[in-house]
Amino acid sequence: MKVILRQNYEVLGQIGDMVDVKDGYARNYLIPRKIAYIALKGNIRALEEEKKSLNKKMQQELHTAENLSNELEKVSVTIPVQVGEEDKIFGAVTTQMIADSLKEKGYEIDKRKIEIEEPIKALGIYGIDIKLHPSVSAKIKVWVVRE
C-alpha cells in the first residue's frame, strides 16, 4: 500500500515522502497514529496544506525563540548556596535551581532546555547555555554566591 508521510518518521522518511508499506502496517499503525495518509489525490493536496501551516508555525516559533534569546542574553541570575571549607558547595547547582531563578525573573524555561557542561560545585560566575529551539540558543550568566 502506498502512503504519504504526514510527519518525519525515522524508519520511513520525511514529511511528504510517498512510501510503499505493507497493508497491515499502514492500516493498524501509521494511519491510526496520524503518521501517514493513504496515497490519494485529495490526501496529497491536504498534505500540502498541512506543510504550509507547519512551516508557518515553525517560522513563528523560531521568531519567538530568537526574541527570547535576545532578552535572555541580558539576564544574569544569582544562586545562593551553602558552602563548607575552602568555599566548596554542598552538592551542586542543578538545572532546576537555575530554572527556578529564571522563573522569579519572569522567564518560564523548562529545566531540560538548560545545558550545564560540568557540574557546578564551586562559587563563581558561569556561562550557561539554554537551548530554546533546535537552531537558537541563549547564554546567561549564573552567579553562584555564598548564602
Protein backbone atom coordinates (compact mmCIF):
# COMPACT_ATOMS: atom_id res chain seq x y z
CA MET A 1 0.00 0.00 0.00
CA LYS A 2 1.31 3.44 -0.89
CA VAL A 3 1.14 6.05 1.87
CA ILE A 4 2.24 9.67 2.21
CA LEU A 5 4.04 10.61 5.43
CA ARG A 6 2.44 13.41 7.47
CA GLN A 7 5.44 13.78 9.78
CA ASN A 8 9.10 12.88 9.86
CA TYR A 9 9.45 9.22 10.73
CA GLU A 10 12.93 7.79 11.25
CA VAL A 11 12.30 4.39 9.73
CA LEU A 12 10.41 5.53 6.62
CA GLY A 13 11.36 9.08 5.65
CA GLN A 14 10.47 12.77 5.77
CA ILE A 15 7.20 14.72 5.55
CA GLY A 16 5.63 14.37 2.12
CA ASP A 17 7.53 11.24 1.07
CA MET A 18 5.44 8.62 -0.69
CA VAL A 19 6.48 5.19 0.58
CA ASP A 20 5.29 1.66 -0.05
CA VAL A 21 4.49 -0.32 3.12
CA LYS A 22 2.57 -3.47 3.95
CA ASP A 23 -1.20 -3.07 4.23
CA GLY A 24 -1.41 -4.13 7.88
CA TYR A 25 1.37 -1.76 8.94
CA ALA A 26 -0.38 1.14 7.24
CA ARG A 27 -3.92 0.35 8.47
CA ASN A 28 -3.03 -0.71 12.01
CA TYR A 29 -0.13 1.61 12.87
CA LEU A 30 0.64 4.50 10.54
CA ILE A 31 -2.87 5.77 9.73
CA PRO A 32 -4.42 5.49 13.25
CA ARG A 33 -1.42 7.35 14.76
CA LYS A 34 -1.73 10.05 12.06
CA ILE A 35 1.79 9.38 10.82
CA ALA A 36 0.63 8.80 7.23
CA TYR A 37 -2.25 9.18 4.75
CA ILE A 38 -3.28 6.70 2.09
CA ALA A 39 -1.80 7.98 -1.19
CA LEU A 40 -4.83 9.56 -2.87
CA LYS A 41 -5.01 12.81 -4.87
CA GLY A 42 -7.14 14.52 -2.22
CA ASN A 43 -4.75 13.49 0.54
CA ILE A 44 -1.78 14.87 -1.40
CA ARG A 45 -3.49 18.28 -1.52
CA ALA A 46 -4.38 18.05 2.19
CA LEU A 47 -0.75 17.28 2.99
CA GLU A 48 0.42 20.33 1.04
CA GLU A 49 -1.88 22.49 3.19
CA GLU A 50 -0.52 20.84 6.36
CA LYS A 51 3.03 21.56 5.17
CA LYS A 52 2.22 25.25 4.66
CA SER A 53 0.69 25.60 8.12
CA LEU A 54 3.55 23.64 9.70
CA ASN A 55 6.15 25.87 8.01
CA LYS A 56 4.29 28.97 9.19
CA LYS A 57 4.16 27.60 12.74
CA MET A 58 7.88 26.71 12.68
CA GLN A 59 8.77 30.23 11.46
CA GLN A 60 6.71 31.74 14.26
CA GLU A 61 8.38 29.50 16.88
CA LEU A 62 11.80 30.44 15.50
CA HIS A 63 10.96 34.15 15.67
CA THR A 64 9.71 33.80 19.26
CA ALA A 65 12.84 31.84 20.25
CA GLU A 66 15.12 34.50 18.71
CA ASN A 67 13.33 37.27 20.63
CA LEU A 68 13.56 35.32 23.88
CA SER A 69 17.23 34.62 23.19
CA ASN A 70 17.94 38.35 22.82
CA GLU A 71 16.19 39.03 26.13
CA LEU A 72 17.98 36.20 27.97
CA GLU A 73 21.42 37.38 26.80
CA LYS A 74 20.98 40.37 29.12
CA VAL A 75 19.86 38.31 32.13
CA SER A 76 22.02 37.09 34.96
CA VAL A 77 20.79 35.07 37.91
CA THR A 78 22.22 34.73 41.40
CA ILE A 79 22.02 31.42 43.21
CA PRO A 80 22.87 31.48 46.92
CA VAL A 81 24.27 28.16 48.18
CA GLN A 82 25.65 26.78 51.42
CA VAL A 83 29.40 26.30 51.39
CA GLY A 84 31.86 24.45 53.55
CA GLU A 85 35.58 24.85 53.98
CA GLU A 86 37.54 26.29 51.04
CA ASP A 87 34.28 27.58 49.50
CA LYS A 88 33.13 24.16 48.31
CA ILE A 89 29.42 23.76 47.72
CA PHE A 90 27.40 21.06 49.46
CA GLY A 91 26.08 19.16 46.43
CA ALA A 92 25.91 21.01 43.11
CA VAL A 93 23.93 23.71 41.37
CA THR A 94 21.24 21.97 39.31
CA THR A 95 19.28 22.94 36.22
CA GLN A 96 16.17 23.08 38.42
CA MET A 97 17.79 25.77 40.61
CA ILE A 98 18.62 27.83 37.52
CA ALA A 99 15.09 27.36 36.11
CA ASP A 100 13.59 28.49 39.44
CA SER A 101 15.81 31.60 39.48
CA LEU A 102 14.76 32.43 35.91
CA LYS A 103 11.12 31.92 36.86
CA GLU A 104 11.50 34.50 39.65
CA LYS A 105 12.71 36.95 36.99
CA GLY A 106 9.68 36.21 34.81
CA TYR A 107 11.12 33.71 32.31
CA GLU A 108 9.40 30.32 32.14
CA ILE A 109 12.18 27.99 30.94
CA ASP A 110 11.99 24.20 31.15
CA LYS A 111 14.89 22.71 33.12
CA ARG A 112 15.57 20.22 30.30
CA LYS A 113 16.48 23.09 27.98
CA ILE A 114 19.25 24.29 30.32
CA GLU A 115 22.59 22.72 29.46
CA ILE A 116 25.34 22.53 32.09
CA GLU A 117 28.58 21.12 30.68
CA GLU A 118 30.15 20.18 34.02
CA PRO A 119 28.57 20.09 37.48
CA ILE A 120 28.84 23.45 39.26
CA LYS A 121 30.49 22.71 42.60
CA ALA A 122 32.31 25.96 43.40
CA LEU A 123 31.48 29.63 43.87
CA GLY A 124 31.91 31.86 40.84
CA ILE A 125 30.41 33.12 37.61
CA TYR A 126 29.36 30.61 34.98
CA GLY A 127 28.10 30.91 31.40
CA ILE A 128 25.18 28.54 30.93
CA ASP A 129 23.58 27.67 27.58
CA ILE A 130 19.81 27.45 27.16
CA LYS A 131 18.55 25.60 24.07
CA LEU A 132 15.38 27.46 23.06
CA HIS A 133 14.92 25.97 19.58
CA PRO A 134 16.92 23.46 17.54
CA SER A 135 18.74 26.36 15.87
CA VAL A 136 18.59 29.03 18.63
CA SER A 137 20.30 29.06 22.00
CA ALA A 138 20.99 31.75 24.58
CA LYS A 139 23.80 32.16 27.08
CA ILE A 140 23.08 33.51 30.56
CA LYS A 141 25.37 34.34 33.44
CA VAL A 142 24.87 32.42 36.65
CA TRP A 143 26.43 33.87 39.79
CA VAL A 144 26.93 31.22 42.46
CA VAL A 145 27.38 33.04 45.78
CA ARG A 146 27.64 32.19 49.45
CA GLU A 147 24.30 32.05 51.30
